[in-house]
């Protein structure tokens, strides 16, 4: 998906897009949603799950890095990613007050297939990320359940919706309707084609600041300018390029470029988090060898990886608002879709 070829907005692309133009163009990556909508009860929320690969993630961890671009957030699992440089569970995106519920559900999901967790080996580092959807959703109602999280995991596949779906159902970006966006880019290295894919939950920025391909989009005549940038964005970057954890942290940092291109200045109240992983370099939980062979990219050649990442994340931001529809939420707040301004 991403941005359709014939849509009203586009960004200049130097790199080829993947077959689906989704994060799932990276082999093995799957995504699933559960969307919770009830206009009478002001429920506009949900869950989105990302599988880095389809095997046993606890036993075969993916190398990873994260970047806390602005730390106004409540995500879980980032400390161990920073220290050990790997991910050993699916990644969950939901609303802020759903983090505890999602962590409980994800823990139970991991225990089900790993009888050694908490007995003959250590515990598990669940990764749960969040944005505040309380402008449209009855967030105090805490409507996300453990069953919703498990269903999102069960729903994971190659094709998924974008816009106001899953965890993006109640999100607002640049004063207009935000949500889930995804895109992918192909990078040629050593006579082989690799994929960089991204999925994000957009809930950041101030009305009137939206930029698409260097052009400011006028929304202020309909959307009053807020006094401060509040919200968040969660960015997940996947690749099959053999990068080590240090390099993946560097890739995650490049998401900052994409946020700036689309009009963000990384405001004080915005929790902007990026996580990058490679499912080519696997870290086994159990190993008979002390020294494990992994590959890495030559740093002097890595700029094309950075550039393709920035391009994919930029398109994913625009795709998240392009696919979203106008929503009327709690306290009769109505947030318009990008298409209302095009």
C-alpha atoms as a PDB file:
ATOM      1  CA  UNK A   1       0.000   0.000   0.000  1.00  0.00           C
ATOM      2  CA  UNK A   2       1.782   3.137   1.165  1.00  0.00           C
ATOM      3  CA  UNK A   3       0.811   5.996  -1.142  1.00  0.00           C
ATOM      4  CA  UNK A   4      -0.996   4.847  -4.311  1.00  0.00           C
ATOM      5  CA  UNK A   5       0.638   5.817  -7.607  1.00  0.00           C
ATOM      6  CA  UNK A   6      -2.354   7.932  -8.657  1.00  0.00           C
ATOM      7  CA  UNK A   7      -3.073   9.649  -5.322  1.00  0.00           C
ATOM      8  CA  UNK A   8      -3.198  13.421  -4.865  1.00  0.00           C
ATOM      9  CA  UNK A   9       0.004  13.526  -2.797  1.00  0.00           C
ATOM     10  CA  UNK A  10       3.392  11.960  -3.324  1.00  0.00           C
ATOM     11  CA  UNK A  11       7.005  12.234  -2.259  1.00  0.00           C
ATOM     12  CA  UNK A  12      10.007  12.041  -4.512  1.00  0.00           C
ATOM     13  CA  UNK A  13      11.564   8.604  -4.338  1.00  0.00           C
ATOM     14  CA  UNK A  14      15.149   7.738  -5.212  1.00  0.00           C
ATOM     15  CA  UNK A  15      14.789   4.106  -4.236  1.00  0.00           C
ATOM     16  CA  UNK A  16      12.491   1.435  -5.671  1.00  0.00           C
ATOM     17  CA  UNK A  17       9.501   0.508  -3.536  1.00  0.00           C
ATOM     18  CA  UNK A  18       8.849  -3.043  -2.400  1.00  0.00           C
ATOM     19  CA  UNK A  19       6.162  -5.213  -3.977  1.00  0.00           C
ATOM     20  CA  UNK A  20       3.467  -4.230  -1.468  1.00  0.00           C
ATOM     21  CA  UNK A  21       5.141  -1.024  -0.256  1.00  0.00           C
ATOM     22  CA  UNK A  22       4.620  -2.296   3.287  1.00  0.00           C
ATOM     23  CA  UNK A  23       6.908  -3.367   6.116  1.00  0.00           C
ATOM     24  CA  UNK A  24       5.894  -6.944   5.278  1.00  0.00           C
ATOM     25  CA  UNK A  25       7.993  -6.748   2.107  1.00  0.00           C
ATOM     26  CA  UNK A  26      10.819  -7.669   4.482  1.00  0.00           C
ATOM     27  CA  UNK A  27      10.717 -11.492   4.348  1.00  0.00           C
ATOM     28  CA  UNK A  28       9.260 -13.012   7.499  1.00  0.00           C
ATOM     29  CA  UNK A  29       7.737  -9.823   8.938  1.00  0.00           C
ATOM     30  CA  UNK A  30       3.976  -9.961   9.645  1.00  0.00           C
ATOM     31  CA  UNK A  31       1.483  -7.370  10.945  1.00  0.00           C
ATOM     32  CA  UNK A  32      -1.985  -7.730  12.521  1.00  0.00           C
ATOM     33  CA  UNK A  33      -4.627  -5.331  13.833  1.00  0.00           C
ATOM     34  CA  UNK A  34      -7.588  -5.305  16.159  1.00  0.00           C
ATOM     35  CA  UNK A  35      -9.721  -2.175  15.777  1.00  0.00           C
ATOM     36  CA  UNK A  36     -12.128  -1.088  18.525  1.00  0.00           C
ATOM     37  CA  UNK A  37     -14.809   1.369  17.411  1.00  0.00           C
ATOM     38  CA  UNK A  38     -18.051   2.247  19.154  1.00  0.00           C
ATOM     39  CA  UNK A  39     -19.325   5.766  18.487  1.00  0.00           C
ATOM     40  CA  UNK A  40     -22.005   5.574  21.182  1.00  0.00           C
ATOM     41  CA  UNK A  41     -19.409   4.742  23.845  1.00  0.00           C
ATOM     42  CA  UNK A  42     -16.689   7.026  22.401  1.00  0.00           C
ATOM     43  CA  UNK A  43     -14.357   4.092  21.807  1.00  0.00           C
ATOM     44  CA  UNK A  44     -11.750   4.732  19.106  1.00  0.00           C
ATOM     45  CA  UNK A  45      -8.697   2.609  19.870  1.00  0.00           C
ATOM     46  CA  UNK A  46      -7.075  -0.738  19.158  1.00  0.00           C
ATOM     47  CA  UNK A  47      -3.959  -2.863  18.952  1.00  0.00           C
ATOM     48  CA  UNK A  48      -1.350  -3.444  16.247  1.00  0.00           C
ATOM     49  CA  UNK A  49       1.129  -6.335  16.449  1.00  0.00           C
ATOM     50  CA  UNK A  50       4.384  -6.785  14.510  1.00  0.00           C
ATOM     51  CA  UNK A  51       6.158 -10.144  14.208  1.00  0.00           C
ATOM     52  CA  UNK A  52       9.869  -9.709  13.331  1.00  0.00           C
ATOM     53  CA  UNK A  53       9.856 -13.304  12.073  1.00  0.00           C
ATOM     54  CA  UNK A  54       7.492 -16.273  12.262  1.00  0.00           C
ATOM     55  CA  UNK A  55       9.694 -18.581  14.315  1.00  0.00           C
ATOM     56  CA  UNK A  56      10.246 -18.706  18.083  1.00  0.00           C
ATOM     57  CA  UNK A  57      11.452 -15.178  18.856  1.00  0.00           C
ATOM     58  CA  UNK A  58      12.558 -16.040  22.382  1.00  0.00           C
ATOM     59  CA  UNK A  59      14.874 -18.790  21.171  1.00  0.00           C
ATOM     60  CA  UNK A  60      15.924 -16.915  17.998  1.00  0.00           C
ATOM     61  CA  UNK A  61      16.140 -13.227  18.836  1.00  0.00           C
ATOM     62  CA  UNK A  62      16.600 -10.492  16.229  1.00  0.00           C
ATOM     63  CA  UNK A  63      19.349  -7.910  16.600  1.00  0.00           C
ATOM     64  CA  UNK A  64      17.874  -4.469  17.263  1.00  0.00           C
ATOM     65  CA  UNK A  65      18.534  -0.876  18.218  1.00  0.00           C
ATOM     66  CA  UNK A  66      16.297   1.929  19.429  1.00  0.00           C
ATOM     67  CA  UNK A  67      16.356   5.700  19.459  1.00  0.00           C
ATOM     68  CA  UNK A  68      14.462   7.762  22.010  1.00  0.00           C
ATOM     69  CA  UNK A  69      14.149  10.854  19.850  1.00  0.00           C
ATOM     70  CA  UNK A  70      12.076  12.637  22.510  1.00  0.00           C
ATOM     71  CA  UNK A  71      11.364  10.690  25.671  1.00  0.00           C
ATOM     72  CA  UNK A  72       7.860  11.842  26.639  1.00  0.00           C
ATOM     73  CA  UNK A  73       6.551   8.260  26.509  1.00  0.00           C
ATOM     74  CA  UNK A  74       5.645   5.133  28.429  1.00  0.00           C
ATOM     75  CA  UNK A  75       6.887   2.328  26.200  1.00  0.00           C
ATOM     76  CA  UNK A  76       8.078  -0.944  27.757  1.00  0.00           C
ATOM     77  CA  UNK A  77      11.156  -2.995  26.842  1.00  0.00           C
ATOM     78  CA  UNK A  78      13.476  -0.273  25.548  1.00  0.00           C
ATOM     79  CA  UNK A  79      16.008  -0.562  28.406  1.00  0.00           C
ATOM     80  CA  UNK A  80      16.947  -4.138  27.513  1.00  0.00           C
ATOM     81  CA  UNK A  81      17.063  -3.338  23.784  1.00  0.00           C
ATOM     82  CA  UNK A  82      19.557  -0.593  24.636  1.00  0.00           C
ATOM     83  CA  UNK A  83      21.670  -2.922  26.797  1.00  0.00           C
ATOM     84  CA  UNK A  84      21.566  -6.225  24.883  1.00  0.00           C
ATOM     85  CA  UNK A  85      20.745  -5.085  21.359  1.00  0.00           C
ATOM     86  CA  UNK A  86      18.052  -7.616  20.565  1.00  0.00           C
ATOM     87  CA  UNK A  87      14.295  -8.214  20.551  1.00  0.00           C
ATOM     88  CA  UNK A  88      12.805 -11.493  21.765  1.00  0.00           C
ATOM     89  CA  UNK A  89       9.039 -10.917  21.457  1.00  0.00           C
ATOM     90  CA  UNK A  90       6.590  -9.481  18.959  1.00  0.00           C
ATOM     91  CA  UNK A  91       6.201  -5.698  19.135  1.00  0.00           C
ATOM     92  CA  UNK A  92       2.830  -4.329  20.273  1.00  0.00           C
ATOM     93  CA  UNK A  93       1.488  -0.824  19.585  1.00  0.00           C
ATOM     94  CA  UNK A  94      -1.552   0.429  21.515  1.00  0.00           C
ATOM     95  CA  UNK A  95      -2.799   3.419  23.537  1.00  0.00           C
ATOM     96  CA  UNK A  96      -1.036   4.693  26.664  1.00  0.00           C
ATOM     97  CA  UNK A  97      -3.401   3.122  29.183  1.00  0.00           C
ATOM     98  CA  UNK A  98      -3.310  -0.187  27.318  1.00  0.00           C
ATOM     99  CA  UNK A  99       0.407  -0.775  27.949  1.00  0.00           C
ATOM    100  CA  UNK A 100      -0.036  -2.798  31.150  1.00  0.00           C
ATOM    101  CA  UNK A 101      -2.760  -4.958  29.643  1.00  0.00           C
ATOM    102  CA  UNK A 102      -0.740  -5.513  26.478  1.00  0.00           C
ATOM    103  CA  UNK A 103       2.351  -6.472  28.469  1.00  0.00           C
ATOM    104  CA  UNK A 104       0.389  -9.055  30.468  1.00  0.00           C
ATOM    105  CA  UNK A 105      -1.091 -10.518  27.289  1.00  0.00           C
ATOM    106  CA  UNK A 106       2.259 -10.594  25.475  1.00  0.00           C
ATOM    107  CA  UNK A 107       3.919 -12.243  28.481  1.00  0.00           C
ATOM    108  CA  UNK A 108       1.273 -14.992  28.481  1.00  0.00           C
ATOM    109  CA  UNK A 109       1.681 -15.379  24.707  1.00  0.00           C
ATOM    110  CA  UNK A 110       5.414 -15.964  25.166  1.00  0.00           C
ATOM    111  CA  UNK A 111       4.978 -18.332  28.136  1.00  0.00           C
ATOM    112  CA  UNK A 112       2.635 -20.539  26.132  1.00  0.00           C
ATOM    113  CA  UNK A 113       5.358 -21.769  23.770  1.00  0.00           C
ATOM    114  CA  UNK A 114       8.369 -21.420  26.071  1.00  0.00           C
ATOM    115  CA  UNK A 115       8.120 -23.573  29.202  1.00  0.00           C
ATOM    116  CA  UNK A 116      11.682 -22.616  30.163  1.00  0.00           C
ATOM    117  CA  UNK A 117      10.885 -18.903  30.694  1.00  0.00           C
ATOM    118  CA  UNK A 118      10.962 -18.138  34.407  1.00  0.00           C
ATOM    119  CA  UNK A 119      11.990 -21.683  35.380  1.00  0.00           C
ATOM    120  CA  UNK A 120      15.208 -23.013  33.843  1.00  0.00           C
ATOM    121  CA  UNK A 121      16.107 -19.697  32.184  1.00  0.00           C
ATOM    122  CA  UNK A 122      15.419 -16.014  32.780  1.00  0.00           C
ATOM    123  CA  UNK A 123      12.269 -14.001  32.184  1.00  0.00           C
ATOM    124  CA  UNK A 124      11.231 -12.293  28.952  1.00  0.00           C
ATOM    125  CA  UNK A 125      11.557  -8.707  27.735  1.00  0.00           C
ATOM    126  CA  UNK A 126       8.211  -7.809  26.175  1.00  0.00           C
ATOM    127  CA  UNK A 127       8.180  -4.790  23.853  1.00  0.00           C
ATOM    128  CA  UNK A 128       5.021  -2.658  24.087  1.00  0.00           C
ATOM    129  CA  UNK A 129       4.805   0.854  22.643  1.00  0.00           C
ATOM    130  CA  UNK A 130       2.142   3.530  22.983  1.00  0.00           C
ATOM    131  CA  UNK A 131       0.635   6.848  21.971  1.00  0.00           C
ATOM    132  CA  UNK A 132      -2.080   8.842  23.751  1.00  0.00           C
ATOM    133  CA  UNK A 133      -5.375   8.654  21.812  1.00  0.00           C
ATOM    134  CA  UNK A 134      -7.378  10.465  24.525  1.00  0.00           C
ATOM    135  CA  UNK A 135      -8.375  13.354  22.234  1.00  0.00           C
ATOM    136  CA  UNK A 136     -10.733  11.041  20.338  1.00  0.00           C
ATOM    137  CA  UNK A 137     -10.978   7.923  22.483  1.00  0.00           C
ATOM    138  CA  UNK A 138     -12.389   7.317  25.958  1.00  0.00           C
ATOM    139  CA  UNK A 139      -8.911   6.428  27.157  1.00  0.00           C
ATOM    140  CA  UNK A 140      -9.981   6.395  30.808  1.00  0.00           C
ATOM    141  CA  UNK A 141     -12.309   3.509  29.979  1.00  0.00           C
ATOM    142  CA  UNK A 142      -9.256   1.284  29.347  1.00  0.00           C
ATOM    143  CA  UNK A 143     -11.103  -0.662  26.658  1.00  0.00           C
ATOM    144  CA  UNK A 144      -8.152  -2.668  25.310  1.00  0.00           C
ATOM    145  CA  UNK A 145      -8.257  -6.232  26.668  1.00  0.00           C
ATOM    146  CA  UNK A 146      -5.750  -9.069  26.738  1.00  0.00           C
ATOM    147  CA  UNK A 147      -7.965 -10.889  24.241  1.00  0.00           C
ATOM    148  CA  UNK A 148      -7.623  -7.941  21.822  1.00  0.00           C
ATOM    149  CA  UNK A 149      -3.828  -8.196  22.007  1.00  0.00           C
ATOM    150  CA  UNK A 150      -3.831 -11.957  21.430  1.00  0.00           C
ATOM    151  CA  UNK A 151      -6.252 -11.539  18.519  1.00  0.00           C
ATOM    152  CA  UNK A 152      -3.985  -8.940  16.896  1.00  0.00           C
ATOM    153  CA  UNK A 153      -1.131 -11.446  17.144  1.00  0.00           C
ATOM    154  CA  UNK A 154      -3.333 -14.142  15.589  1.00  0.00           C
ATOM    155  CA  UNK A 155      -4.305 -11.718  12.789  1.00  0.00           C
ATOM    156  CA  UNK A 156      -0.703 -11.155  11.687  1.00  0.00           C
ATOM    157  CA  UNK A 157      -0.142 -11.574   7.956  1.00  0.00           C
ATOM    158  CA  UNK A 158       1.487 -10.070   4.870  1.00  0.00           C
ATOM    159  CA  UNK A 159      -1.314  -7.604   4.005  1.00  0.00           C
ATOM    160  CA  UNK A 160      -2.872  -5.132   6.436  1.00  0.00           C
ATOM    161  CA  UNK A 161      -4.821  -1.877   6.404  1.00  0.00           C
ATOM    162  CA  UNK A 162      -3.438   1.595   7.019  1.00  0.00           C
ATOM    163  CA  UNK A 163      -5.027   4.742   8.418  1.00  0.00           C
ATOM    164  CA  UNK A 164      -7.469   4.786  11.339  1.00  0.00           C
ATOM    165  CA  UNK A 165      -7.125   1.093  12.168  1.00  0.00           C
ATOM    166  CA  UNK A 166      -5.605  -0.976  14.960  1.00  0.00           C
ATOM    167  CA  UNK A 167      -3.625   1.087  17.431  1.00  0.00           C
ATOM    168  CA  UNK A 168      -3.945   4.074  15.081  1.00  0.00           C
ATOM    169  CA  UNK A 169      -7.738   4.257  15.331  1.00  0.00           C
ATOM    170  CA  UNK A 170      -7.818   7.275  17.644  1.00  0.00           C
ATOM    171  CA  UNK A 171      -4.588   9.023  16.710  1.00  0.00           C
ATOM    172  CA  UNK A 172      -4.160  12.605  15.456  1.00  0.00           C
ATOM    173  CA  UNK A 173      -1.215  13.832  13.377  1.00  0.00           C
ATOM    174  CA  UNK A 174      -0.520  17.492  12.566  1.00  0.00           C
ATOM    175  CA  UNK A 175      -4.021  18.391  13.714  1.00  0.00           C
ATOM    176  CA  UNK A 176      -5.694  16.026  11.225  1.00  0.00           C
ATOM    177  CA  UNK A 177      -6.532  12.340  11.404  1.00  0.00           C
ATOM    178  CA  UNK A 178      -3.467  10.150  11.862  1.00  0.00           C
ATOM    179  CA  UNK A 179      -3.022   6.444  12.369  1.00  0.00           C
ATOM    180  CA  UNK A 180      -1.052   3.552  10.903  1.00  0.00           C
ATOM    181  CA  UNK A 181       1.252   4.072   7.930  1.00  0.00           C
ATOM    182  CA  UNK A 182       3.735   1.804   6.201  1.00  0.00           C
ATOM    183  CA  UNK A 183       6.200   1.818   3.298  1.00  0.00           C
ATOM    184  CA  UNK A 184       9.244  -0.043   2.017  1.00  0.00           C
ATOM    185  CA  UNK A 185      12.343   0.555  -0.077  1.00  0.00           C
ATOM    186  CA  UNK A 186      14.769  -1.734  -1.904  1.00  0.00           C
ATOM    187  CA  UNK A 187      18.532  -1.345  -1.513  1.00  0.00           C
ATOM    188  CA  UNK A 188      21.125  -3.087  -3.685  1.00  0.00           C
ATOM    189  CA  UNK A 189      24.226  -4.310  -1.890  1.00  0.00           C
ATOM    190  CA  UNK A 190      26.937  -6.619  -3.284  1.00  0.00           C
ATOM    191  CA  UNK A 191      24.791  -7.683  -6.248  1.00  0.00           C
ATOM    192  CA  UNK A 192      21.835  -8.575  -4.033  1.00  0.00           C
ATOM    193  CA  UNK A 193      18.599  -6.703  -3.354  1.00  0.00           C
ATOM    194  CA  UNK A 194      17.578  -6.121   0.260  1.00  0.00           C
ATOM    195  CA  UNK A 195      14.474  -4.518   1.769  1.00  0.00           C
ATOM    196  CA  UNK A 196      13.917  -1.807   4.372  1.00  0.00           C
ATOM    197  CA  UNK A 197      10.356  -1.573   5.624  1.00  0.00           C
ATOM    198  CA  UNK A 198       8.646   0.572   8.214  1.00  0.00           C
ATOM    199  CA  UNK A 199       5.358   0.825  10.060  1.00  0.00           C
ATOM    200  CA  UNK A 200       4.432   3.702  12.329  1.00  0.00           C
ATOM    201  CA  UNK A 201       1.657   5.057  14.526  1.00  0.00           C
ATOM    202  CA  UNK A 202       1.376   8.799  13.882  1.00  0.00           C
ATOM    203  CA  UNK A 203       0.087  10.997  16.698  1.00  0.00           C
ATOM    204  CA  UNK A 204       2.490  13.955  16.599  1.00  0.00           C
ATOM    205  CA  UNK A 205       2.879  17.505  15.345  1.00  0.00           C
ATOM    206  CA  UNK A 206       0.973  20.784  15.344  1.00  0.00           C
ATOM    207  CA  UNK A 207      -1.827  21.824  13.039  1.00  0.00           C
ATOM    208  CA  UNK A 208      -0.614  24.053  10.238  1.00  0.00           C
ATOM    209  CA  UNK A 209       2.864  22.487  10.157  1.00  0.00           C
ATOM    210  CA  UNK A 210       2.225  19.538   7.814  1.00  0.00           C
ATOM    211  CA  UNK A 211       4.735  19.309   4.964  1.00  0.00           C
ATOM    212  CA  UNK A 212       4.413  16.929   2.010  1.00  0.00           C
ATOM    213  CA  UNK A 213       7.415  16.735  -0.311  1.00  0.00           C
ATOM    214  CA  UNK A 214       8.557  20.191   0.797  1.00  0.00           C
ATOM    215  CA  UNK A 215       5.130  21.825   0.384  1.00  0.00           C
ATOM    216  CA  UNK A 216       3.186  23.139   3.377  1.00  0.00           C
ATOM    217  CA  UNK A 217      -0.431  21.943   3.468  1.00  0.00           C
ATOM    218  CA  UNK A 218      -2.826  24.663   4.654  1.00  0.00           C
ATOM    219  CA  UNK A 219      -5.083  23.203   7.347  1.00  0.00           C
ATOM    220  CA  UNK A 220      -5.235  26.147   9.764  1.00  0.00           C
ATOM    221  CA  UNK A 221      -8.413  27.590   8.231  1.00  0.00           C
ATOM    222  CA  UNK A 222     -10.247  24.474   9.479  1.00  0.00           C
ATOM    223  CA  UNK A 223      -8.052  23.151  12.301  1.00  0.00           C
ATOM    224  CA  UNK A 224      -7.168  25.716  15.007  1.00  0.00           C
ATOM    225  CA  UNK A 225      -3.491  25.798  15.881  1.00  0.00           C
ATOM    226  CA  UNK A 226      -2.823  24.122  19.223  1.00  0.00           C
ATOM    227  CA  UNK A 227      -0.673  25.815  21.847  1.00  0.00           C
ATOM    228  CA  UNK A 228       1.909  23.016  22.082  1.00  0.00           C
ATOM    229  CA  UNK A 229       2.984  19.934  20.177  1.00  0.00           C
ATOM    230  CA  UNK A 230       1.554  16.987  22.075  1.00  0.00           C
ATOM    231  CA  UNK A 231       1.131  13.385  21.044  1.00  0.00           C
ATOM    232  CA  UNK A 232       3.759  10.877  20.006  1.00  0.00           C
ATOM    233  CA  UNK A 233       4.970   8.696  17.176  1.00  0.00           C
ATOM    234  CA  UNK A 234       6.107   5.084  17.295  1.00  0.00           C
ATOM    235  CA  UNK A 235       8.293   4.018  14.365  1.00  0.00           C
ATOM    236  CA  UNK A 236       9.276   0.402  13.693  1.00  0.00           C
ATOM    237  CA  UNK A 237      11.948  -0.199  11.022  1.00  0.00           C
ATOM    238  CA  UNK A 238      12.621  -3.722   9.742  1.00  0.00           C
ATOM    239  CA  UNK A 239      15.229  -5.001   7.314  1.00  0.00           C
ATOM    240  CA  UNK A 240      16.846  -8.166   6.038  1.00  0.00           C
ATOM    241  CA  UNK A 241      20.159  -6.334   5.612  1.00  0.00           C
ATOM    242  CA  UNK A 242      22.737  -7.888   7.970  1.00  0.00           C
ATOM    243  CA  UNK A 243      23.267  -4.985  10.365  1.00  0.00           C
ATOM    244  CA  UNK A 244      24.586  -5.300  13.907  1.00  0.00           C
ATOM    245  CA  UNK A 245      22.899  -3.713  16.921  1.00  0.00           C
ATOM    246  CA  UNK A 246      25.107  -0.601  16.831  1.00  0.00           C
ATOM    247  CA  UNK A 247      24.244  -0.002  13.201  1.00  0.00           C
ATOM    248  CA  UNK A 248      20.536  -0.619  13.844  1.00  0.00           C
ATOM    249  CA  UNK A 249      20.577   2.071  16.514  1.00  0.00           C
ATOM    250  CA  UNK A 250      22.084   4.413  13.928  1.00  0.00           C
ATOM    251  CA  UNK A 251      19.334   3.473  11.455  1.00  0.00           C
ATOM    252  CA  UNK A 252      16.655   4.183  14.104  1.00  0.00           C
ATOM    253  CA  UNK A 253      18.111   7.664  14.645  1.00  0.00           C
ATOM    254  CA  UNK A 254      17.530   8.506  10.968  1.00  0.00           C
ATOM    255  CA  UNK A 255      13.767   8.487  11.543  1.00  0.00           C
ATOM    256  CA  UNK A 256      14.326  11.990  12.937  1.00  0.00           C
ATOM    257  CA  UNK A 257      15.011  13.177   9.377  1.00  0.00           C
ATOM    258  CA  UNK A 258      11.600  11.919   8.250  1.00  0.00           C
ATOM    259  CA  UNK A 259       9.727  13.590  11.098  1.00  0.00           C
ATOM    260  CA  UNK A 260      11.419  16.895  10.287  1.00  0.00           C
ATOM    261  CA  UNK A 261      10.581  16.567   6.581  1.00  0.00           C
ATOM    262  CA  UNK A 262       6.884  16.161   7.425  1.00  0.00           C
ATOM    263  CA  UNK A 263       6.760  19.189   9.721  1.00  0.00           C
ATOM    264  CA  UNK A 264       7.652  18.053  13.229  1.00  0.00           C
ATOM    265  CA  UNK A 265      10.088  19.936  15.436  1.00  0.00           C
ATOM    266  CA  UNK A 266      10.082  17.164  18.087  1.00  0.00           C
ATOM    267  CA  UNK A 267       8.072  19.124  20.616  1.00  0.00           C
ATOM    268  CA  UNK A 268       8.455  18.863  24.380  1.00  0.00           C
ATOM    269  CA  UNK A 269       5.277  16.843  24.900  1.00  0.00           C
ATOM    270  CA  UNK A 270       5.768  14.378  22.042  1.00  0.00           C
ATOM    271  CA  UNK A 271       7.027  10.860  22.760  1.00  0.00           C
ATOM    272  CA  UNK A 272       8.972  10.031  19.596  1.00  0.00           C
ATOM    273  CA  UNK A 273      10.428   6.509  19.620  1.00  0.00           C
ATOM    274  CA  UNK A 274      12.082   4.527  16.809  1.00  0.00           C
ATOM    275  CA  UNK A 275      13.022   0.827  16.925  1.00  0.00           C
ATOM    276  CA  UNK A 276      14.994  -0.916  14.171  1.00  0.00           C
ATOM    277  CA  UNK A 277      15.689  -4.632  13.780  1.00  0.00           C
ATOM    278  CA  UNK A 278      17.283  -7.026  11.294  1.00  0.00           C
ATOM    279  CA  UNK A 279      15.866 -10.527  11.008  1.00  0.00           C
ATOM    280  CA  UNK A 280      18.949 -11.754   9.150  1.00  0.00           C
ATOM    281  CA  UNK A 281      21.267 -11.589  12.144  1.00  0.00           C
ATOM    282  CA  UNK A 282      19.796 -13.971  14.724  1.00  0.00           C
ATOM    283  CA  UNK A 283      20.956 -14.232  18.331  1.00  0.00           C
ATOM    284  CA  UNK A 284      20.189 -17.706  19.709  1.00  0.00           C
ATOM    285  CA  UNK A 285      18.999 -17.914  23.309  1.00  0.00           C
ATOM    286  CA  UNK A 286      20.921 -21.156  23.712  1.00  0.00           C
ATOM    287  CA  UNK A 287      24.301 -21.766  22.111  1.00  0.00           C
ATOM    288  CA  UNK A 288      26.990 -24.396  22.542  1.00  0.00           C
ATOM    289  CA  UNK A 289      29.536 -21.902  21.201  1.00  0.00           C
ATOM    290  CA  UNK A 290      30.821 -18.870  23.079  1.00  0.00           C
ATOM    291  CA  UNK A 291      31.544 -16.980  19.878  1.00  0.00           C
ATOM    292  CA  UNK A 292      28.651 -16.469  17.468  1.00  0.00           C
ATOM    293  CA  UNK A 293      29.128 -15.540  13.826  1.00  0.00           C
ATOM    294  CA  UNK A 294      27.150 -12.513  12.645  1.00  0.00           C
ATOM    295  CA  UNK A 295      27.536 -10.235   9.659  1.00  0.00           C
ATOM    296  CA  UNK A 296      27.617  -6.458   9.583  1.00  0.00           C
ATOM    297  CA  UNK A 297      27.582  -3.672   7.013  1.00  0.00           C
ATOM    298  CA  UNK A 298      30.695  -1.698   6.136  1.00  0.00           C
ATOM    299  CA  UNK A 299      30.126   1.661   7.812  1.00  0.00           C
ATOM    300  CA  UNK A 300      31.640   3.624   4.925  1.00  0.00           C
ATOM    301  CA  UNK A 301      28.914   2.209   2.639  1.00  0.00           C
ATOM    302  CA  UNK A 302      25.938   2.588   4.985  1.00  0.00           C
ATOM    303  CA  UNK A 303      24.664   5.977   3.775  1.00  0.00           C
ATOM    304  CA  UNK A 304      22.303   4.367   1.247  1.00  0.00           C
ATOM    305  CA  UNK A 305      20.714   2.424   4.100  1.00  0.00           C
ATOM    306  CA  UNK A 306      20.206   5.671   6.031  1.00  0.00           C
ATOM    307  CA  UNK A 307      18.767   7.463   3.005  1.00  0.00           C
ATOM    308  CA  UNK A 308      16.355   4.664   2.100  1.00  0.00           C
ATOM    309  CA  UNK A 309      15.212   4.505   5.716  1.00  0.00           C
ATOM    310  CA  UNK A 310      14.496   8.240   5.856  1.00  0.00           C
ATOM    311  CA  UNK A 311      12.562   8.005   2.598  1.00  0.00           C
ATOM    312  CA  UNK A 312      10.459   5.023   3.726  1.00  0.00           C
ATOM    313  CA  UNK A 313       9.583   6.565   7.095  1.00  0.00           C
ATOM    314  CA  UNK A 314       8.655   9.867   5.446  1.00  0.00           C
ATOM    315  CA  UNK A 315       6.237   8.088   3.116  1.00  0.00           C
ATOM    316  CA  UNK A 316       4.819   6.051   6.000  1.00  0.00           C
ATOM    317  CA  UNK A 317       3.922   9.270   7.860  1.00  0.00           C
ATOM    318  CA  UNK A 318       2.079  10.663   4.836  1.00  0.00           C
ATOM    319  CA  UNK A 319       0.469   7.281   4.155  1.00  0.00           C
ATOM    320  CA  UNK A 320      -0.876   7.138   7.716  1.00  0.00           C
ATOM    321  CA  UNK A 321      -2.822  10.369   7.237  1.00  0.00           C
ATOM    322  CA  UNK A 322      -3.693   9.760   3.578  1.00  0.00           C
ATOM    323  CA  UNK A 323      -5.515   6.500   4.394  1.00  0.00           C
ATOM    324  CA  UNK A 324      -7.262   7.850   7.501  1.00  0.00           C
ATOM    325  CA  UNK A 325     -10.891   8.954   7.455  1.00  0.00           C
ATOM    326  CA  UNK A 326     -12.595  11.802   9.347  1.00  0.00           C
ATOM    327  CA  UNK A 327     -13.553  10.736  12.882  1.00  0.00           C
ATOM    328  CA  UNK A 328     -15.891  12.278  15.452  1.00  0.00           C
ATOM    329  CA  UNK A 329     -14.855  11.167  18.918  1.00  0.00           C
ATOM    330  CA  UNK A 330     -15.262  11.854  22.596  1.00  0.00           C
ATOM    331  CA  UNK A 331     -16.548  15.276  23.703  1.00  0.00           C
ATOM    332  CA  UNK A 332     -17.834  15.694  20.107  1.00  0.00           C
ATOM    333  CA  UNK A 333     -14.314  16.404  18.875  1.00  0.00           C
ATOM    334  CA  UNK A 334     -14.159  15.977  15.117  1.00  0.00           C
ATOM    335  CA  UNK A 335     -10.820  15.442  13.371  1.00  0.00           C
ATOM    336  CA  UNK A 336     -10.749  15.748   9.604  1.00  0.00           C
ATOM    337  CA  UNK A 337      -8.923  13.525   7.146  1.00  0.00           C
ATOM    338  CA  UNK A 338      -6.165  14.819   4.897  1.00  0.00           C
ATOM    339  CA  UNK A 339      -8.413  14.268   1.871  1.00  0.00           C
ATOM    340  CA  UNK A 340     -10.672  17.073   3.152  1.00  0.00           C
ATOM    341  CA  UNK A 341      -7.844  19.516   2.364  1.00  0.00           C
ATOM    342  CA  UNK A 342      -6.757  18.193  -1.032  1.00  0.00           C
END
